[in-house]
C-alpha atoms as a PDB file:
ATOM      1  CA  MET A   1      33.199  26.999  -2.586  1.00  0.00           C
ATOM      2  CA  ASN A   2      34.840  23.880  -1.175  1.00  0.00           C
ATOM      3  CA  THR A   3      32.769  21.212  -2.934  1.00  0.00           C
ATOM      4  CA  SER A   4      34.556  18.412  -1.038  1.00  0.00           C
ATOM      5  CA  GLU A   5      32.596  19.348   2.104  1.00  0.00           C
ATOM      6  CA  TYR A   6      29.364  18.128   0.514  1.00  0.00           C
ATOM      7  CA  LYS A   7      28.481  14.430   0.804  1.00  0.00           C
ATOM      8  CA  GLY A   8      25.395  12.301   0.279  1.00  0.00           C
ATOM      9  CA  VAL A   9      22.230  12.217  -1.801  1.00  0.00           C
ATOM     10  CA  PHE A  10      19.154  13.972  -0.349  1.00  0.00           C
ATOM     11  CA  VAL A  11      15.604  13.402  -1.577  1.00  0.00           C
ATOM     12  CA  TYR A  12      12.693  15.686  -0.773  1.00  0.00           C
ATOM     13  CA  ALA A  13      10.005  13.265   0.442  1.00  0.00           C
ATOM     14  CA  GLU A  14       6.920  15.113  -0.727  1.00  0.00           C
ATOM     15  CA  GLN A  15       3.796  14.346   1.288  1.00  0.00           C
ATOM     16  CA  VAL A  16       0.205  15.477   0.921  1.00  0.00           C
ATOM     17  CA  ASP A  17      -2.271  14.958   3.765  1.00  0.00           C
ATOM     18  CA  ASN A  18       0.533  13.220   5.700  1.00  0.00           C
ATOM     19  CA  VAL A  19       0.989  10.526   3.054  1.00  0.00           C
ATOM     20  CA  VAL A  20       4.247  10.277   1.116  1.00  0.00           C
ATOM     21  CA  GLY A  21       3.633  10.211  -2.642  1.00  0.00           C
ATOM     22  CA  GLY A  22       5.027   7.818  -5.235  1.00  0.00           C
ATOM     23  CA  ILE A  23       7.480  10.381  -6.607  1.00  0.00           C
ATOM     24  CA  ALA A  24       9.400  10.361  -3.300  1.00  0.00           C
ATOM     25  CA  LEU A  25       9.777   6.583  -3.510  1.00  0.00           C
ATOM     26  CA  GLU A  26      10.904   6.807  -7.140  1.00  0.00           C
ATOM     27  CA  LEU A  27      13.539   9.393  -6.217  1.00  0.00           C
ATOM     28  CA  ILE A  28      14.837   7.237  -3.360  1.00  0.00           C
ATOM     29  CA  GLY A  29      15.279   4.404  -5.845  1.00  0.00           C
ATOM     30  CA  GLU A  30      17.145   6.665  -8.242  1.00  0.00           C
ATOM     31  CA  GLY A  31      19.109   8.150  -5.359  1.00  0.00           C
ATOM     32  CA  LYS A  32      20.322   4.670  -4.379  1.00  0.00           C
ATOM     33  CA  ARG A  33      21.616   4.124  -7.892  1.00  0.00           C
ATOM     34  CA  LEU A  34      23.496   7.430  -7.882  1.00  0.00           C
ATOM     35  CA  ALA A  35      24.770   6.776  -4.352  1.00  0.00           C
ATOM     36  CA  GLN A  36      26.434   3.557  -5.494  1.00  0.00           C
ATOM     37  CA  ASP A  37      28.699   5.575  -7.793  1.00  0.00           C
ATOM     38  CA  LEU A  38      29.248   8.295  -5.195  1.00  0.00           C
ATOM     39  CA  LYS A  39      29.759   5.740  -2.387  1.00  0.00           C
ATOM     40  CA  CYS A  40      27.383   7.491  -0.011  1.00  0.00           C
ATOM     41  CA  ASP A  41      23.984   7.154   1.674  1.00  0.00           C
ATOM     42  CA  VAL A  42      20.539   8.340   0.636  1.00  0.00           C
ATOM     43  CA  THR A  43      18.643  10.629   2.999  1.00  0.00           C
ATOM     44  CA  ALA A  44      14.944  11.459   2.744  1.00  0.00           C
ATOM     45  CA  VAL A  45      13.853  14.866   4.058  1.00  0.00           C
ATOM     46  CA  LEU A  46      10.312  14.725   5.424  1.00  0.00           C
ATOM     47  CA  ILE A  47       8.635  18.065   6.166  1.00  0.00           C
ATOM     48  CA  GLY A  48       5.176  18.595   7.659  1.00  0.00           C
ATOM     49  CA  ALA A  49       3.121  18.117  10.820  1.00  0.00           C
ATOM     50  CA  ASP A  50       2.443  14.753  12.488  1.00  0.00           C
ATOM     51  CA  ILE A  51       4.393  12.912   9.794  1.00  0.00           C
ATOM     52  CA  LYS A  52       6.754  10.672  11.768  1.00  0.00           C
ATOM     53  CA  GLY A  53       4.661   7.657  10.834  1.00  0.00           C
ATOM     54  CA  GLN A  54       5.851   7.981   7.221  1.00  0.00           C
ATOM     55  CA  ALA A  55       9.505   7.416   8.122  1.00  0.00           C
ATOM     56  CA  ASP A  56       9.169   3.621   8.096  1.00  0.00           C
ATOM     57  CA  ARG A  57       7.618   3.758   4.621  1.00  0.00           C
ATOM     58  CA  LEU A  58      10.601   5.729   3.319  1.00  0.00           C
ATOM     59  CA  ALA A  59      13.002   3.254   4.926  1.00  0.00           C
ATOM     60  CA  ALA A  60      11.149   0.295   3.393  1.00  0.00           C
ATOM     61  CA  TYR A  61      11.830   1.749  -0.057  1.00  0.00           C
ATOM     62  CA  GLY A  62      15.540   2.279   0.538  1.00  0.00           C
ATOM     63  CA  ALA A  63      16.166   5.480   2.506  1.00  0.00           C
ATOM     64  CA  ASP A  64      19.251   5.061   4.740  1.00  0.00           C
ATOM     65  CA  LYS A  65      18.347   8.077   6.847  1.00  0.00           C
ATOM     66  CA  VAL A  66      15.200  10.160   7.339  1.00  0.00           C
ATOM     67  CA  ILE A  67      15.427  13.765   8.519  1.00  0.00           C
ATOM     68  CA  ILE A  68      12.116  14.981   9.937  1.00  0.00           C
ATOM     69  CA  VAL A  69      11.093  18.624  10.309  1.00  0.00           C
ATOM     70  CA  GLU A  70       7.778  18.884  12.135  1.00  0.00           C
ATOM     71  CA  ASP A  71       5.835  21.985  13.091  1.00  0.00           C
ATOM     72  CA  GLU A  72       2.233  23.199  12.988  1.00  0.00           C
ATOM     73  CA  ALA A  73       3.386  25.900  10.575  1.00  0.00           C
ATOM     74  CA  LEU A  74       4.084  23.058   8.114  1.00  0.00           C
ATOM     75  CA  LYS A  75       0.675  21.385   8.348  1.00  0.00           C
ATOM     76  CA  GLU A  76      -0.290  22.549   4.860  1.00  0.00           C
ATOM     77  CA  TYR A  77       2.197  23.262   2.095  1.00  0.00           C
ATOM     78  CA  ARG A  78       3.123  26.926   1.960  1.00  0.00           C
ATOM     79  CA  THR A  79       6.098  28.193   0.016  1.00  0.00           C
ATOM     80  CA  GLU A  80       7.891  30.260   2.664  1.00  0.00           C
ATOM     81  CA  PRO A  81       7.919  27.911   5.684  1.00  0.00           C
ATOM     82  CA  TYR A  82       8.764  24.875   3.527  1.00  0.00           C
ATOM     83  CA  THR A  83      11.564  26.801   1.804  1.00  0.00           C
ATOM     84  CA  HIS A  84      12.924  27.828   5.199  1.00  0.00           C
ATOM     85  CA  ALA A  85      12.772  24.248   6.483  1.00  0.00           C
ATOM     86  CA  PHE A  86      14.336  22.567   3.450  1.00  0.00           C
ATOM     87  CA  SER A  87      17.083  25.149   2.865  1.00  0.00           C
ATOM     88  CA  THR A  88      18.021  25.058   6.556  1.00  0.00           C
ATOM     89  CA  VAL A  89      18.417  21.270   6.437  1.00  0.00           C
ATOM     90  CA  ILE A  90      20.548  21.513   3.292  1.00  0.00           C
ATOM     91  CA  ASN A  91      22.802  24.198   4.786  1.00  0.00           C
ATOM     92  CA  GLN A  92      23.212  22.162   7.967  1.00  0.00           C
ATOM     93  CA  TYR A  93      23.930  18.743   6.423  1.00  0.00           C
ATOM     94  CA  LYS A  94      25.594  19.818   3.133  1.00  0.00           C
ATOM     95  CA  PRO A  95      24.446  17.105   0.716  1.00  0.00           C
ATOM     96  CA  GLU A  96      26.206  16.703  -2.630  1.00  0.00           C
ATOM     97  CA  VAL A  97      23.020  15.940  -4.581  1.00  0.00           C
ATOM     98  CA  VAL A  98      19.431  17.058  -3.920  1.00  0.00           C
ATOM     99  CA  LEU A  99      16.494  15.548  -5.829  1.00  0.00           C
ATOM    100  CA  VAL A 100      12.957  16.960  -5.856  1.00  0.00           C
ATOM    101  CA  GLY A 101       9.897  15.724  -7.719  1.00  0.00           C
ATOM    102  CA  ALA A 102       8.755  17.872 -10.633  1.00  0.00           C
ATOM    103  CA  THR A 103       5.236  18.095  -9.208  1.00  0.00           C
ATOM    104  CA  ALA A 104       3.177  21.220  -8.588  1.00  0.00           C
ATOM    105  CA  ILE A 105       4.732  21.455  -5.119  1.00  0.00           C
ATOM    106  CA  GLY A 106       8.238  20.524  -6.233  1.00  0.00           C
ATOM    107  CA  ARG A 107       8.237  23.061  -9.055  1.00  0.00           C
ATOM    108  CA  ASP A 108       7.284  25.750  -6.557  1.00  0.00           C
ATOM    109  CA  LEU A 109       9.699  24.693  -3.822  1.00  0.00           C
ATOM    110  CA  ALA A 110      12.913  23.715  -5.633  1.00  0.00           C
ATOM    111  CA  PRO A 111      13.713  27.022  -7.404  1.00  0.00           C
ATOM    112  CA  ARG A 112      13.183  29.014  -4.203  1.00  0.00           C
ATOM    113  CA  VAL A 113      15.403  26.659  -2.225  1.00  0.00           C
ATOM    114  CA  CYS A 114      18.188  26.726  -4.821  1.00  0.00           C
ATOM    115  CA  ALA A 115      18.119  30.546  -4.834  1.00  0.00           C
ATOM    116  CA  ARG A 116      18.312  30.656  -1.056  1.00  0.00           C
ATOM    117  CA  ILE A 117      21.294  28.280  -0.864  1.00  0.00           C
ATOM    118  CA  HIS A 118      23.011  29.839  -3.911  1.00  0.00           C
ATOM    119  CA  THR A 119      23.275  26.892  -6.259  1.00  0.00           C
ATOM    120  CA  GLY A 120      21.895  25.857  -9.630  1.00  0.00           C
ATOM    121  CA  LEU A 121      18.830  23.807 -10.541  1.00  0.00           C
ATOM    122  CA  THR A 122      18.068  21.659 -13.574  1.00  0.00           C
ATOM    123  CA  ALA A 123      14.313  21.234 -13.977  1.00  0.00           C
ATOM    124  CA  ASP A 124      12.209  18.398 -15.385  1.00  0.00           C
ATOM    125  CA  CYS A 125      15.020  15.861 -15.716  1.00  0.00           C
ATOM    126  CA  THR A 126      14.347  12.559 -17.441  1.00  0.00           C
ATOM    127  CA  GLN A 127      17.753  10.959 -16.792  1.00  0.00           C
ATOM    128  CA  LEU A 128      20.452  11.295 -14.132  1.00  0.00           C
ATOM    129  CA  ASP A 129      23.981   9.899 -14.227  1.00  0.00           C
ATOM    130  CA  ILE A 130      27.293  10.279 -12.444  1.00  0.00           C
ATOM    131  CA  GLY A 131      30.165  11.046 -14.801  1.00  0.00           C
ATOM    132  CA  ASP A 132      32.784  13.479 -16.040  1.00  0.00           C
ATOM    133  CA  PHE A 133      32.221  17.109 -16.983  1.00  0.00           C
ATOM    134  CA  PRO A 134      32.872  18.354 -19.617  1.00  0.00           C
ATOM    135  CA  LEU A 135      31.645  15.128 -21.176  1.00  0.00           C
ATOM    136  CA  ASN A 136      34.555  15.208 -23.611  1.00  0.00           C
ATOM    137  CA  PRO A 137      37.967  16.539 -22.509  1.00  0.00           C
ATOM    138  CA  ILE A 138      38.747  20.091 -23.643  1.00  0.00           C
ATOM    139  CA  PRO A 139      42.429  21.104 -23.921  1.00  0.00           C
ATOM    140  CA  GLY A 140      43.363  23.509 -21.143  1.00  0.00           C
ATOM    141  CA  LYS A 141      40.126  22.911 -19.186  1.00  0.00           C
ATOM    142  CA  GLU A 142      39.918  20.684 -16.126  1.00  0.00           C
ATOM    143  CA  GLN A 143      37.618  17.695 -16.486  1.00  0.00           C
ATOM    144  CA  LYS A 144      35.877  17.131 -13.170  1.00  0.00           C
ATOM    145  CA  HIS A 145      34.843  13.646 -12.101  1.00  0.00           C
ATOM    146  CA  ASN A 146      31.821  12.280 -10.211  1.00  0.00           C
ATOM    147  CA  GLN A 147      29.552  15.069 -11.383  1.00  0.00           C
ATOM    148  CA  LEU A 148      25.767  14.792 -11.520  1.00  0.00           C
ATOM    149  CA  LEU A 149      24.865  14.802 -15.213  1.00  0.00           C
ATOM    150  CA  MET A 150      21.269  15.961 -15.557  1.00  0.00           C
ATOM    151  CA  THR A 151      19.484  15.259 -18.849  1.00  0.00           C
ATOM    152  CA  ARG A 152      16.278  17.010 -19.832  1.00  0.00           C
ATOM    153  CA  PRO A 153      14.367  17.974 -22.981  1.00  0.00           C
ATOM    154  CA  ALA A 154      15.053  21.482 -24.278  1.00  0.00           C
ATOM    155  CA  PHE A 155      13.627  23.849 -26.879  1.00  0.00           C
ATOM    156  CA  GLY A 156      10.116  22.481 -26.556  1.00  0.00           C
ATOM    157  CA  GLY A 157      11.296  18.876 -26.581  1.00  0.00           C
ATOM    158  CA  ASN A 158      13.074  19.191 -29.930  1.00  0.00           C
ATOM    159  CA  THR A 159      16.483  18.394 -28.471  1.00  0.00           C
ATOM    160  CA  ILE A 160      18.021  16.801 -25.392  1.00  0.00           C
ATOM    161  CA  ALA A 161      20.419  18.694 -23.117  1.00  0.00           C
ATOM    162  CA  THR A 162      22.801  17.297 -20.500  1.00  0.00           C
ATOM    163  CA  ILE A 163      23.591  19.834 -17.791  1.00  0.00           C
ATOM    164  CA  ALA A 164      26.070  19.847 -14.914  1.00  0.00           C
ATOM    165  CA  CYS A 165      26.756  22.119 -11.953  1.00  0.00           C
ATOM    166  CA  PRO A 166      30.501  21.565 -11.399  1.00  0.00           C
ATOM    167  CA  ASP A 167      31.333  24.636  -9.317  1.00  0.00           C
ATOM    168  CA  HIS A 168      28.474  24.800  -6.808  1.00  0.00           C
ATOM    169  CA  ARG A 169      26.926  22.438  -4.297  1.00  0.00           C
ATOM    170  CA  PRO A 170      24.551  20.867  -3.852  1.00  0.00           C
ATOM    171  CA  GLN A 171      23.732  19.751  -7.374  1.00  0.00           C
ATOM    172  CA  MET A 172      19.941  20.086  -7.591  1.00  0.00           C
ATOM    173  CA  ALA A 173      17.458  18.563 -10.005  1.00  0.00           C
ATOM    174  CA  THR A 174      13.724  18.140 -10.261  1.00  0.00           C
ATOM    175  CA  VAL A 175      12.638  14.843 -11.809  1.00  0.00           C
ATOM    176  CA  ARG A 176       9.406  14.048 -13.576  1.00  0.00           C
ATOM    177  CA  PRO A 177       7.061  11.586 -11.885  1.00  0.00           C
ATOM    178  CA  GLY A 178       7.003   8.152 -13.479  1.00  0.00           C
ATOM    179  CA  VAL A 179      10.471   8.430 -15.013  1.00  0.00           C
ATOM    180  CA  MET A 180      12.495   6.670 -12.311  1.00  0.00           C
ATOM    181  CA  GLN A 181      11.846   3.252 -10.801  1.00  0.00           C
ATOM    182  CA  LYS A 182      11.215   2.739  -7.115  1.00  0.00           C
ATOM    183  CA  LEU A 183      12.831  -0.211  -5.380  1.00  0.00           C
ATOM    184  CA  GLU A 184      10.943  -3.247  -4.173  1.00  0.00           C
ATOM    185  CA  LYS A 185       9.409  -2.637  -0.781  1.00  0.00           C
ATOM    186  CA  ASN A 186      11.294  -4.312   2.076  1.00  0.00           C
ATOM    187  CA  GLU A 187       9.690  -3.699   5.459  1.00  0.00           C
ATOM    188  CA  SER A 188      12.662  -5.247   7.260  1.00  0.00           C
ATOM    189  CA  LEU A 189      14.789  -2.250   6.300  1.00  0.00           C
ATOM    190  CA  LYS A 190      15.233   0.447   8.928  1.00  0.00           C
ATOM    191  CA  ALA A 191      16.555   3.983   8.618  1.00  0.00           C
ATOM    192  CA  VAL A 192      18.384   6.287  10.979  1.00  0.00           C
ATOM    193  CA  ILE A 193      15.869   8.950  12.006  1.00  0.00           C
ATOM    194  CA  GLU A 194      16.888  12.475  12.980  1.00  0.00           C
ATOM    195  CA  GLU A 195      14.640  15.342  13.938  1.00  0.00           C
ATOM    196  CA  VAL A 196      15.469  18.973  13.211  1.00  0.00           C
ATOM    197  CA  LYS A 197      13.718  21.580  15.339  1.00  0.00           C
ATOM    198  CA  LEU A 198      13.189  24.974  13.734  1.00  0.00           C
ATOM    199  CA  SER A 199      11.350  28.158  14.630  1.00  0.00           C
ATOM    200  CA  PHE A 200       8.930  29.731  12.184  1.00  0.00           C
ATOM    201  CA  GLU A 201       8.192  33.431  12.378  1.00  0.00           C
ATOM    202  CA  GLU A 202       5.557  34.682   9.989  1.00  0.00           C
ATOM    203  CA  ASN A 203       6.632  37.469   7.668  1.00  0.00           C
ATOM    204  CA  VAL A 204       5.307  39.228   4.587  1.00  0.00           C
ATOM    205  CA  ASN A 205       6.169  36.182   2.454  1.00  0.00           C
ATOM    206  CA  TYR A 206       3.807  33.919   4.353  1.00  0.00           C
ATOM    207  CA  VAL A 207       0.450  33.311   2.731  1.00  0.00           C
ATOM    208  CA  GLU A 208      -2.753  32.712   4.646  1.00  0.00           C
ATOM    209  CA  ILE A 209      -4.754  29.672   3.573  1.00  0.00           C
ATOM    210  CA  LEU A 210      -8.410  30.660   3.655  1.00  0.00           C
ATOM    211  CA  ASP A 211      -9.881  27.434   2.382  1.00  0.00           C
ATOM    212  CA  ILE A 212      -8.858  24.127   0.807  1.00  0.00           C
ATOM    213  CA  VAL A 213     -11.140  22.807  -1.912  1.00  0.00           C
ATOM    214  CA  LYS A 214     -10.552  19.241  -3.058  1.00  0.00           C
ATOM    215  CA  SER A 215     -12.152  18.106  -6.279  1.00  0.00           C
ATOM    216  CA  VAL A 216     -12.215  14.743  -7.988  1.00  0.00           C
ATOM    217  CA  ALA A 217     -10.857  14.863 -11.533  1.00  0.00           C
ATOM    218  CA  ASN A 218     -12.872  13.114 -14.216  1.00  0.00           C
ATOM    219  CA  ILE A 219      -9.768  12.453 -16.313  1.00  0.00           C
ATOM    220  CA  VAL A 220      -8.003   9.143 -15.718  1.00  0.00           C
ATOM    221  CA  ASP A 221      -4.286   9.535 -15.039  1.00  0.00           C
ATOM    222  CA  ILE A 222      -2.572   7.652 -17.868  1.00  0.00           C
ATOM    223  CA  MET A 223       0.431   7.051 -15.591  1.00  0.00           C
ATOM    224  CA  ASP A 224      -1.730   4.658 -13.547  1.00  0.00           C
ATOM    225  CA  ALA A 225      -3.158   2.795 -16.533  1.00  0.00           C
ATOM    226  CA  LYS A 226      -2.186  -0.844 -17.096  1.00  0.00           C
ATOM    227  CA  ILE A 227      -3.304  -0.768 -20.744  1.00  0.00           C
ATOM    228  CA  LEU A 228      -2.953   2.206 -23.085  1.00  0.00           C
ATOM    229  CA  VAL A 229      -4.179   2.601 -26.662  1.00  0.00           C
ATOM    230  CA  SER A 230      -2.252   5.603 -27.928  1.00  0.00           C
ATOM    231  CA  GLY A 231      -2.927   7.597 -31.069  1.00  0.00           C
ATOM    232  CA  GLY A 232      -0.651   9.790 -33.142  1.00  0.00           C
ATOM    233  CA  ARG A 233      -0.847  12.137 -36.096  1.00  0.00           C
ATOM    234  CA  GLY A 234      -1.532   9.149 -38.331  1.00  0.00           C
ATOM    235  CA  VAL A 235      -5.008   8.772 -36.796  1.00  0.00           C
ATOM    236  CA  GLY A 236      -5.953  11.664 -39.068  1.00  0.00           C
ATOM    237  CA  GLY A 237      -8.209  13.705 -36.805  1.00  0.00           C
ATOM    238  CA  PRO A 238     -10.123  13.824 -33.511  1.00  0.00           C
ATOM    239  CA  GLU A 239     -13.197  12.276 -35.152  1.00  0.00           C
ATOM    240  CA  ASN A 240     -11.317   8.990 -35.622  1.00  0.00           C
ATOM    241  CA  PHE A 241     -10.333   8.459 -32.000  1.00  0.00           C
ATOM    242  CA  TYR A 242     -13.600   6.620 -31.354  1.00  0.00           C
ATOM    243  CA  MET A 243     -11.947   3.523 -32.853  1.00  0.00           C
ATOM    244  CA  LEU A 244      -9.156   3.719 -30.268  1.00  0.00           C
ATOM    245  CA  GLU A 245     -11.685   4.330 -27.514  1.00  0.00           C
ATOM    246  CA  ASP A 246     -13.710   1.263 -28.562  1.00  0.00           C
ATOM    247  CA  LEU A 247     -10.605  -0.925 -28.441  1.00  0.00           C
ATOM    248  CA  ALA A 248      -9.495   0.525 -25.105  1.00  0.00           C
ATOM    249  CA  LYS A 249     -12.954  -0.140 -23.656  1.00  0.00           C
ATOM    250  CA  GLU A 250     -12.846  -3.823 -24.635  1.00  0.00           C
ATOM    251  CA  LEU A 251      -9.348  -4.173 -23.186  1.00  0.00           C
ATOM    252  CA  GLY A 252     -10.219  -2.316 -19.978  1.00  0.00           C
ATOM    253  CA  GLY A 253      -7.648   0.324 -20.859  1.00  0.00           C
ATOM    254  CA  THR A 254      -7.302   4.059 -21.448  1.00  0.00           C
ATOM    255  CA  VAL A 255      -6.663   6.205 -24.527  1.00  0.00           C
ATOM    256  CA  SER A 256      -3.511   8.325 -24.685  1.00  0.00           C
ATOM    257  CA  CYS A 257      -1.752  10.212 -27.459  1.00  0.00           C
ATOM    258  CA  SER A 258       1.428  11.716 -28.858  1.00  0.00           C
ATOM    259  CA  ARG A 259       2.520  15.338 -28.719  1.00  0.00           C
ATOM    260  CA  ALA A 260       1.403  15.933 -32.326  1.00  0.00           C
ATOM    261  CA  VAL A 261      -2.171  15.134 -31.308  1.00  0.00           C
ATOM    262  CA  VAL A 262      -2.046  17.615 -28.425  1.00  0.00           C
ATOM    263  CA  ASP A 263      -0.438  20.308 -30.594  1.00  0.00           C
ATOM    264  CA  ALA A 264      -3.229  19.840 -33.131  1.00  0.00           C
ATOM    265  CA  GLY A 265      -5.826  20.330 -30.386  1.00  0.00           C
ATOM    266  CA  TRP A 266      -7.321  16.848 -30.771  1.00  0.00           C
ATOM    267  CA  LYS A 267      -6.693  15.787 -27.147  1.00  0.00           C
ATOM    268  CA  PRO A 268      -5.838  17.571 -23.853  1.00  0.00           C
ATOM    269  CA  LYS A 269      -2.235  17.529 -22.645  1.00  0.00           C
ATOM    270  CA  ASP A 270      -3.256  15.237 -19.753  1.00  0.00           C
ATOM    271  CA  PHE A 271      -3.302  12.397 -22.303  1.00  0.00           C
ATOM    272  CA  GLN A 272       0.137  13.091 -23.807  1.00  0.00           C
ATOM    273  CA  VAL A 273       2.878  10.467 -23.597  1.00  0.00           C
ATOM    274  CA  GLY A 274       6.505  11.517 -24.071  1.00  0.00           C
ATOM    275  CA  GLN A 275       9.265  13.706 -22.744  1.00  0.00           C
ATOM    276  CA  THR A 276       7.086  16.811 -22.806  1.00  0.00           C
ATOM    277  CA  GLY A 277       4.112  14.800 -21.578  1.00  0.00           C
ATOM    278  CA  LYS A 278       3.958  11.879 -19.147  1.00  0.00           C
ATOM    279  CA  THR A 279       6.191   8.851 -18.780  1.00  0.00           C
ATOM    280  CA  VAL A 280       4.178   5.626 -18.685  1.00  0.00           C
ATOM    281  CA  ARG A 281       4.955   1.959 -17.974  1.00  0.00           C
ATOM    282  CA  PRO A 282       1.755   0.012 -18.724  1.00  0.00           C
ATOM    283  CA  ASN A 283       1.551  -3.748 -19.140  1.00  0.00           C
ATOM    284  CA  LEU A 284       0.355  -3.180 -22.711  1.00  0.00           C
ATOM    285  CA  TYR A 285       0.961  -0.164 -24.975  1.00  0.00           C
ATOM    286  CA  ILE A 286      -0.705  -0.097 -28.394  1.00  0.00           C
ATOM    287  CA  ALA A 287       0.670   2.667 -30.626  1.00  0.00           C
ATOM    288  CA  VAL A 288      -1.670   3.600 -33.467  1.00  0.00           C
ATOM    289  CA  GLY A 289      -0.457   5.962 -36.183  1.00  0.00           C
ATOM    290  CA  ILE A 290       2.567   7.013 -34.104  1.00  0.00           C
ATOM    291  CA  SER A 291       5.818   7.324 -36.040  1.00  0.00           C
ATOM    292  CA  GLY A 292       8.007   7.002 -32.950  1.00  0.00           C
ATOM    293  CA  ALA A 293       9.998  10.213 -32.491  1.00  0.00           C
ATOM    294  CA  ILE A 294      12.693   9.895 -29.825  1.00  0.00           C
ATOM    295  CA  GLN A 295      10.758  12.205 -27.494  1.00  0.00           C
ATOM    296  CA  HIS A 296       7.753   9.892 -27.610  1.00  0.00           C
ATOM    297  CA  LEU A 297       9.796   6.704 -27.245  1.00  0.00           C
ATOM    298  CA  ALA A 298      11.419   8.073 -24.091  1.00  0.00           C
ATOM    299  CA  GLY A 299       7.984   8.255 -22.506  1.00  0.00           C
ATOM    300  CA  MET A 300       6.784   4.684 -23.242  1.00  0.00           C
ATOM    301  CA  GLU A 301       9.667   2.386 -24.190  1.00  0.00           C
ATOM    302  CA  GLU A 302       9.682   0.784 -20.713  1.00  0.00           C
ATOM    303  CA  SER A 303       6.183  -0.649 -21.293  1.00  0.00           C
ATOM    304  CA  ASP A 304       6.003  -4.410 -20.732  1.00  0.00           C
ATOM    305  CA  LEU A 305       4.522  -5.170 -24.160  1.00  0.00           C
ATOM    306  CA  ILE A 306       4.415  -2.762 -27.114  1.00  0.00           C
ATOM    307  CA  ILE A 307       2.277  -3.293 -30.227  1.00  0.00           C
ATOM    308  CA  ALA A 308       2.686  -0.822 -33.091  1.00  0.00           C
ATOM    309  CA  ILE A 309       0.199  -0.281 -35.924  1.00  0.00           C
ATOM    310  CA  ASN A 310       1.430   1.956 -38.728  1.00  0.00           C
ATOM    311  CA  LYS A 311       1.151   1.953 -42.506  1.00  0.00           C
ATOM    312  CA  ASP A 312       4.785   3.109 -42.824  1.00  0.00           C
ATOM    313  CA  GLU A 313       6.959   0.027 -42.446  1.00  0.00           C
ATOM    314  CA  THR A 314      10.037   2.212 -41.820  1.00  0.00           C
ATOM    315  CA  ALA A 315       8.500   4.050 -38.841  1.00  0.00           C
ATOM    316  CA  PRO A 316      10.922   4.158 -35.861  1.00  0.00           C
ATOM    317  CA  ILE A 317       8.171   2.873 -33.544  1.00  0.00           C
ATOM    318  CA  PHE A 318       8.745  -0.615 -34.942  1.00  0.00           C
ATOM    319  CA  GLY A 319      12.274  -0.496 -33.519  1.00  0.00           C
ATOM    320  CA  VAL A 320      10.949  -0.685 -29.935  1.00  0.00           C
ATOM    321  CA  ALA A 321       7.777  -2.683 -30.613  1.00  0.00           C
ATOM    322  CA  ASP A 322       7.467  -6.307 -29.538  1.00  0.00           C
ATOM    323  CA  TYR A 323       4.879  -6.811 -32.289  1.00  0.00           C
ATOM    324  CA  GLY A 324       4.319  -4.669 -35.373  1.00  0.00           C
ATOM    325  CA  ILE A 325       1.444  -4.515 -37.815  1.00  0.00           C
ATOM    326  CA  VAL A 326       1.993  -2.687 -41.098  1.00  0.00           C
ATOM    327  CA  GLY A 327      -1.325  -1.516 -42.493  1.00  0.00           C
ATOM    328  CA  ASP A 328      -4.292   0.845 -42.267  1.00  0.00           C
ATOM    329  CA  TYR A 329      -5.470   1.115 -38.670  1.00  0.00           C
ATOM    330  CA  LYS A 330      -9.007   1.900 -39.908  1.00  0.00           C
ATOM    331  CA  LYS A 331      -9.224  -1.670 -41.186  1.00  0.00           C
ATOM    332  CA  ILE A 332      -7.232  -3.270 -38.353  1.00  0.00           C
ATOM    333  CA  LEU A 333      -8.781  -1.740 -35.219  1.00  0.00           C
ATOM    334  CA  PRO A 334     -12.480  -2.455 -35.929  1.00  0.00           C
ATOM    335  CA  GLY A 335     -11.686  -6.090 -36.698  1.00  0.00           C
ATOM    336  CA  LEU A 336      -9.545  -6.430 -33.581  1.00  0.00           C
ATOM    337  CA  THR A 337     -12.222  -4.815 -31.424  1.00  0.00           C
ATOM    338  CA  GLU A 338     -14.958  -7.084 -32.792  1.00  0.00           C
ATOM    339  CA  LYS A 339     -12.783 -10.159 -32.230  1.00  0.00           C
ATOM    340  CA  LEU A 340     -12.189  -9.171 -28.601  1.00  0.00           C
ATOM    341  CA  ARG A 341     -15.862  -8.394 -28.082  1.00  0.00           C
ATOM    342  CA  ALA A 342     -16.857 -11.805 -29.472  1.00  0.00           C
ATOM    343  CA  GLU A 343     -14.363 -13.641 -27.261  1.00  0.00           C
ATOM    344  CA  ILE A 344     -15.509 -11.753 -24.155  1.00  0.00           C
ATOM    345  CA  ALA A 345     -19.154 -12.557 -24.970  1.00  0.00           C
ATOM    346  CA  ALA A 346     -18.308 -16.231 -25.510  1.00  0.00           C
ATOM    347  CA  LYS A 347     -16.688 -16.448 -22.067  1.00  0.00           C
ATOM    348  CA  ALA A 348     -19.557 -14.631 -20.331  1.00  0.00           C
END
């Protein structure tokens, strides 16, 4: 394969109900950062039906070009027609890097596309960089430059792996929502828009959508929360989380947790913060009984303000905390909650 033929960073602009999601905007922001090192443009690939109106939104968040594939066969997400559309665009334009969100749709689409275009895929990345591979020179082995270095948790989150795809193009990665930062919106920005016309012939791989049922989840998405009160193994058990819930209620926040809590069955995985959970960036993150393993820190260290409460003064969580309280949370939280409640009542 002549890898020099491949240029540019492509982002799959995932849309649902003709609205581009936040993960697409995050990936454009990350794509711009990678493109600076590669000295290239960022292209968003928009696939669906009646979606041209979303092109300006992608441009406002930094896309230099938007490639649109529209067809009635693409009205609802289905694996085969979307795979055909995306892989055809990649084969035609030959991008060097392709980024896809690690969403339910992205996790279905990306592996099928990479198999069809005969390249590799690194899934669930939490960090992307441009650098040399191998990372350290090996005698007798060529060290290739300007490679996409894809970092992700491995072995159940117990270690971190950095992966490269030096001999095939494009270099493909799926990226977890909430990990990367989108750029500031600038509606004065405009993108070059190109349309790709394709034919879609149904085959045995096409599925028939009989019905679409949309339900409203009762669980708050912790990635959207501005205030999180997060509990770890040090909380002692599920029966003690009421103290965190009381504090979160007074603050107008949401309860979250560490992986140890989920593994113990105290809370559902939807509440988990960390590399094997969700990446969060709230205005306030209160860590209660969380030691601060590197996997957890990676999921919350970008919070605006971090307060740690732990009886172990050597806990790693204090290394990233803006404020730390060493002591028994069972004595600290009730007092803090009552103080907040009194102040709120006084202002009412």
